Protein backbone atom coordinates (compact mmCIF):
# COMPACT_ATOMS: atom_id res chain seq x y z
CA MET A 1 157.57 96.83 -105.13
CA ASN A 2 155.27 98.98 -107.14
CA ASN A 3 155.06 100.61 -110.38
CA LEU A 4 155.97 104.20 -110.09
CA GLY A 5 155.98 105.10 -113.74
CA LYS A 6 152.09 106.25 -112.82
CA LYS A 7 151.23 109.48 -111.93
CA SER A 8 150.11 109.58 -108.37
CA ILE A 9 146.18 111.07 -106.87
CA ILE A 10 146.22 112.60 -103.82
CA VAL A 11 143.47 112.50 -101.76
CA LYS A 12 142.68 115.19 -98.52
CA LEU A 13 139.90 113.93 -96.68
CA GLY A 14 138.63 117.02 -94.37
CA GLY A 15 138.36 116.92 -90.51
CA SER A 16 134.59 117.90 -91.30
CA VAL A 17 134.72 114.94 -92.77
CA ILE A 18 136.41 112.15 -91.25
CA THR A 19 135.22 113.51 -88.13
CA LEU A 20 132.01 114.85 -85.86
CA LYS A 21 133.05 118.23 -85.41
CA ASP A 22 130.40 118.87 -82.82
CA GLU A 23 131.07 116.03 -80.95
CA PHE A 24 134.85 116.06 -78.62
CA GLU A 25 137.78 113.94 -80.69
CA SER A 26 134.90 111.74 -82.27
CA ALA A 27 135.50 109.74 -85.59
CA ASN A 28 132.98 109.30 -88.10
CA ILE A 29 133.53 105.65 -88.67
CA PRO A 30 130.60 105.13 -90.83
CA VAL A 31 132.12 107.73 -93.55
CA ILE A 32 135.55 106.91 -93.07
CA ARG A 33 134.97 103.20 -93.80
CA ARG A 34 132.42 103.92 -96.66
CA ILE A 35 135.20 106.52 -98.19
CA ILE A 36 137.77 103.59 -98.33
CA SER A 37 135.87 101.21 -99.84
CA GLU A 38 135.40 103.80 -102.40
CA LEU A 39 139.33 104.47 -102.62
CA LEU A 40 139.31 100.32 -102.87
CA GLU A 41 137.61 100.65 -106.23
CA VAL A 42 140.61 102.63 -107.56
CA LYS A 43 143.35 101.03 -105.67
CA LEU A 44 145.09 98.79 -108.44
CA LEU A 45 144.25 102.12 -110.79
CA PHE A 46 146.19 104.85 -109.43
CA PRO A 47 148.93 104.95 -106.57
CA LEU A 48 147.34 107.23 -103.43
CA ILE A 49 148.53 109.04 -101.02
CA ILE A 50 146.08 109.97 -98.27
CA VAL A 51 145.81 113.34 -96.45
CA HIS A 52 143.69 113.84 -93.21
CA GLY A 53 142.38 116.75 -91.36
CA GLY A 54 141.98 117.09 -87.81
CA GLY A 55 138.77 117.73 -87.60
CA SER A 56 136.89 117.83 -83.94
CA PHE A 57 140.45 115.60 -82.58
CA GLY A 58 143.04 118.53 -83.22
CA HIS A 59 141.58 122.11 -83.85
CA PRO A 60 139.68 122.34 -80.32
CA HIS A 61 143.09 122.32 -78.97
CA ALA A 62 144.79 124.07 -81.18
CA TYR A 63 142.19 126.95 -80.71
CA LYS A 64 141.94 126.61 -76.63
CA TYR A 65 146.30 127.37 -76.59
CA LYS A 66 146.56 129.62 -79.80
CA LEU A 67 148.64 127.68 -81.49
CA HIS A 68 147.97 129.11 -84.26
CA GLU A 69 149.88 132.40 -83.23
CA GLY A 70 153.19 130.75 -82.80
CA PHE A 71 155.12 130.38 -79.72
CA LYS A 72 154.26 133.09 -76.67
CA ASN A 73 154.46 131.25 -73.62
CA SER A 74 155.45 127.85 -71.92
CA ASP A 75 151.89 127.19 -71.53
CA GLN A 76 151.32 126.47 -74.83
CA LEU A 77 153.87 123.48 -74.92
CA PHE A 78 151.08 121.56 -73.09
CA GLY A 79 148.84 122.39 -75.57
CA VAL A 80 150.85 121.00 -78.67
CA VAL A 81 151.37 117.89 -76.85
CA LYS A 82 147.95 117.53 -76.92
CA THR A 83 147.43 118.44 -80.30
CA ARG A 84 150.02 116.00 -81.47
CA GLU A 85 148.30 113.53 -79.17
CA ALA A 86 144.95 114.05 -80.46
CA MET A 87 146.11 114.01 -84.09
CA LEU A 88 148.45 110.67 -83.73
CA ARG A 89 144.70 108.88 -82.56
CA LEU A 90 142.65 110.11 -85.18
CA ASN A 91 145.50 108.79 -87.74
CA SER A 92 145.76 105.55 -86.01
CA ILE A 93 141.82 105.10 -86.36
CA VAL A 94 142.15 105.70 -90.22
CA CYS A 95 145.23 103.99 -91.07
CA ASN A 96 143.27 100.81 -88.92
CA GLU A 97 140.40 101.17 -90.95
CA LEU A 98 142.42 100.83 -94.19
CA LEU A 99 144.47 98.14 -92.87
CA ASN A 100 141.12 96.35 -91.99
CA ALA A 101 140.03 97.21 -95.93
CA GLY A 102 142.57 95.59 -97.52
CA PHE A 103 145.21 99.02 -97.27
CA GLN A 104 148.92 98.40 -96.44
CA PRO A 105 148.88 102.36 -95.10
CA PHE A 106 151.98 103.62 -93.98
CA PRO A 107 151.60 106.77 -91.42
CA PHE A 108 153.61 109.48 -91.82
CA GLN A 109 154.01 112.19 -88.45
CA PRO A 110 154.62 115.17 -90.18
CA SER A 111 156.11 116.87 -87.09
CA SER A 112 158.83 113.53 -87.14
CA PHE A 113 160.61 114.50 -91.00
CA ILE A 114 158.99 118.33 -91.49
CA ALA A 115 160.16 121.86 -90.76
CA THR A 116 159.23 125.56 -91.18
CA ARG A 117 160.52 128.78 -91.42
CA ASN A 118 158.08 131.45 -91.41
CA GLY A 119 155.01 129.08 -92.21
CA GLU A 120 157.10 127.30 -95.34
CA ILE A 121 158.45 124.37 -95.34
CA GLU A 122 162.08 124.19 -95.35
CA ILE A 123 163.33 120.40 -94.38
CA ALA A 124 160.94 117.47 -95.85
CA ASP A 125 162.20 114.36 -96.62
CA ILE A 126 159.56 113.16 -99.25
CA SER A 127 161.72 110.83 -101.11
CA LEU A 128 160.97 108.72 -97.49
CA VAL A 129 157.11 108.63 -98.97
CA GLU A 130 158.13 107.89 -102.50
CA TRP A 131 160.09 105.16 -101.33
CA ALA A 132 157.04 103.62 -99.41
CA MET A 133 154.88 104.07 -102.51
CA LYS A 134 157.52 101.68 -104.36
CA LEU A 135 157.12 99.33 -101.99
CA GLY A 136 153.23 99.13 -102.16
CA PHE A 137 152.81 101.12 -99.41
CA THR A 138 149.45 104.00 -99.15
CA PRO A 139 151.56 106.83 -97.33
CA VAL A 140 149.34 108.35 -95.15
CA LEU A 141 149.97 112.11 -93.60
CA TYR A 142 148.16 114.43 -91.90
CA GLY A 143 147.74 118.08 -90.50
CA ASP A 144 149.99 118.21 -87.38
CA ILE A 145 152.43 121.13 -85.07
CA VAL A 146 155.92 120.90 -86.74
CA LEU A 147 158.50 122.96 -85.35
CA ASP A 148 159.21 126.45 -86.92
CA TYR A 149 162.72 127.89 -86.74
CA GLU A 150 160.95 131.81 -86.59
CA HIS A 151 158.03 131.43 -84.53
CA GLY A 152 159.24 127.92 -82.11
CA PHE A 153 156.14 125.63 -83.85
CA TYR A 154 153.62 125.75 -86.62
CA ILE A 155 149.86 124.57 -87.34
CA LEU A 156 150.94 122.74 -90.92
CA SER A 157 147.84 121.84 -92.50
CA GLY A 158 147.19 119.23 -94.83
CA ASP A 159 146.27 121.16 -97.47
CA LYS A 160 149.91 122.80 -96.90
CA ILE A 161 151.37 119.13 -97.35
CA CYS A 162 149.14 118.36 -99.99
CA SER A 163 150.73 121.41 -102.25
CA TYR A 164 154.17 120.88 -101.21
CA LEU A 165 154.16 116.81 -102.18
CA VAL A 166 152.83 118.10 -105.58
CA THR A 167 156.90 119.97 -105.90
CA LYS A 168 158.34 116.81 -105.10
CA LEU A 169 156.29 113.91 -106.93
CA ASN A 170 154.87 112.88 -109.76
CA VAL A 171 150.56 113.91 -109.14
CA GLU A 172 148.21 113.58 -111.49
CA ARG A 173 145.27 115.51 -109.48
CA VAL A 174 144.50 116.47 -105.71
CA VAL A 175 141.09 115.82 -104.86
CA PHE A 176 139.97 117.69 -101.70
CA ALA A 177 137.06 115.83 -99.95
CA CYS A 178 135.10 118.48 -97.99
CA ASP A 179 131.73 118.84 -96.42
CA VAL A 180 130.44 121.04 -98.94
CA ASP A 181 129.70 120.47 -102.33
CA GLY A 182 132.86 122.54 -104.15
CA ILE A 183 134.07 126.41 -104.22
CA TYR A 184 131.08 128.99 -103.82
CA THR A 185 130.66 132.66 -104.28
CA SER A 186 130.83 132.77 -100.69
CA ASP A 187 129.67 130.21 -97.68
CA PRO A 188 127.08 128.18 -98.42
CA LYS A 189 126.44 126.99 -94.66
CA ARG A 190 125.15 131.47 -94.40
CA ASP A 191 124.58 132.47 -97.14
CA PRO A 192 121.04 130.31 -99.41
CA ALA A 193 121.90 132.46 -102.36
CA ALA A 194 125.71 131.33 -102.89
CA LYS A 195 125.91 129.37 -105.87
CA LEU A 196 128.76 126.83 -106.81
CA VAL A 197 131.33 127.24 -108.79
CA ARG A 198 131.58 124.39 -111.12
CA LYS A 199 135.18 125.63 -112.78
CA LEU A 200 137.91 128.22 -111.76
CA THR A 201 141.03 129.11 -113.28
CA LEU A 202 144.52 129.87 -112.09
CA SER A 203 143.54 133.65 -113.12
CA GLU A 204 140.57 133.80 -111.00
CA ILE A 205 141.18 132.82 -107.93
CA SER A 206 142.35 135.99 -106.22
CA LYS A 207 138.73 137.53 -106.49
CA PHE A 208 137.79 134.62 -104.77
CA LEU A 209 139.89 134.33 -101.79
CA ASP A 210 138.49 137.63 -100.34
CA ASN A 211 134.74 135.98 -100.74
CA VAL A 212 136.11 132.73 -99.30
CA PHE A 213 136.14 132.40 -95.31
CA SER A 214 136.62 129.55 -92.52
CA THR A 215 133.54 127.10 -92.00
CA TYR A 216 134.34 126.86 -88.91
CA THR A 217 134.92 128.90 -85.67
CA PHE A 218 137.88 126.15 -84.52
CA ASP A 219 139.14 126.02 -88.26
CA VAL A 220 142.89 127.23 -86.76
CA THR A 221 143.78 125.90 -90.41
CA GLY A 222 142.31 128.37 -92.85
CA GLY A 223 139.35 126.13 -94.36
CA MET A 224 137.91 126.62 -97.89
CA ARG A 225 140.55 130.06 -97.93
CA SER A 226 143.48 127.80 -97.21
CA LYS A 227 142.39 125.23 -99.85
CA LEU A 228 142.16 128.31 -102.75
CA ILE A 229 145.65 129.29 -101.63
CA GLU A 230 146.96 126.00 -101.91
CA ALA A 231 145.14 125.23 -104.51
CA ARG A 232 146.63 128.14 -106.88
CA LYS A 233 149.84 126.79 -105.74
CA ILE A 234 149.49 123.35 -106.97
CA VAL A 235 147.14 124.69 -110.50
CA SER A 236 150.58 126.43 -111.58
CA MET A 237 152.51 123.13 -111.27
CA GLY A 238 150.09 122.08 -113.48
CA VAL A 239 148.12 119.47 -111.78
CA GLU A 240 144.56 120.08 -111.35
CA VAL A 241 142.54 120.16 -108.28
CA ARG A 242 139.07 118.99 -107.88
CA ILE A 243 136.79 120.13 -104.34
CA VAL A 244 133.96 117.76 -103.88
CA ASN A 245 131.75 116.87 -101.30
CA ALA A 246 132.93 113.33 -99.32
CA LEU A 247 129.53 113.09 -97.30
CA ILE A 248 127.65 112.24 -100.65
CA PRO A 249 128.37 107.95 -101.50
CA GLY A 250 129.75 108.38 -105.20
CA ARG A 251 131.06 111.73 -105.64
CA LEU A 252 134.57 110.91 -104.56
CA ILE A 253 135.43 107.69 -106.69
CA SER A 254 133.81 110.00 -109.49
CA ALA A 255 136.41 113.31 -108.62
CA ILE A 256 139.44 110.36 -108.24
CA ARG A 257 138.75 109.00 -111.72
CA ASP A 258 139.06 111.03 -114.78
CA GLN A 259 135.27 111.33 -114.63
CA ASP A 260 132.15 113.86 -115.17
CA PHE A 261 131.96 114.74 -111.17
CA TYR A 262 129.40 117.12 -109.40
CA GLY A 263 131.84 119.86 -107.19
CA SER A 264 134.29 122.30 -108.35
CA LYS A 265 137.47 121.51 -111.07
CA VAL A 266 140.53 124.17 -110.42
CA VAL A 267 142.24 124.66 -113.12
CA LEU A 268 145.27 126.29 -114.85
CA ASN A 269 143.40 128.04 -118.19
């Protein structure tokens, strides 16, 4: 069994990184494999928890059936099933690549052990994740459609899963692997004058929330704005957040290690 005395690193792999967002249900296999090769370098140094987004797998279905609005009519039930089915396929791809590279991935389907009320997690047995880590597995979770006691169902983002894990586990830092270099003063894909913010403190986050918007039309989980909201929760618990461009080789591994890295750091003060 692994020694859980070491603090864990949570790595959130954005859907825009591990999938081709303009190609329906298309995984970015070369990038997934390269990222996993970077994770292998720190596999023995830190217990890793991997959380991934949906990208071109989950988001199109969720958007088509307006699942982000909660239960409105029975036609949405088909959309819930299709979204969960798509996310299972993507999770299987990620886990198979981890297994082939030498990891022992243990996938957790969030909807099987998490429920929300008004979008906030009310039921979640995180002791299962902790036990898997103790045995030597690498837990792999992902954004999912979960049952919600007020709205019927809810799109639980990978970002929100990350912040909840921090409340229950001994975590060193959380690294968000994105398709942009970090937090910008405005959307860098729309504004060429946007500037990268290398360091952001807890007290500075609020003023950025109104200026950071979802990058993609189909990003029903909130995009960078969601990351900042969850980063605020994480940092308030004394855990550092790092946001990097995982499409560029070496950026992710530098952020995971306690090294200088190119990206954004969110800290308490």
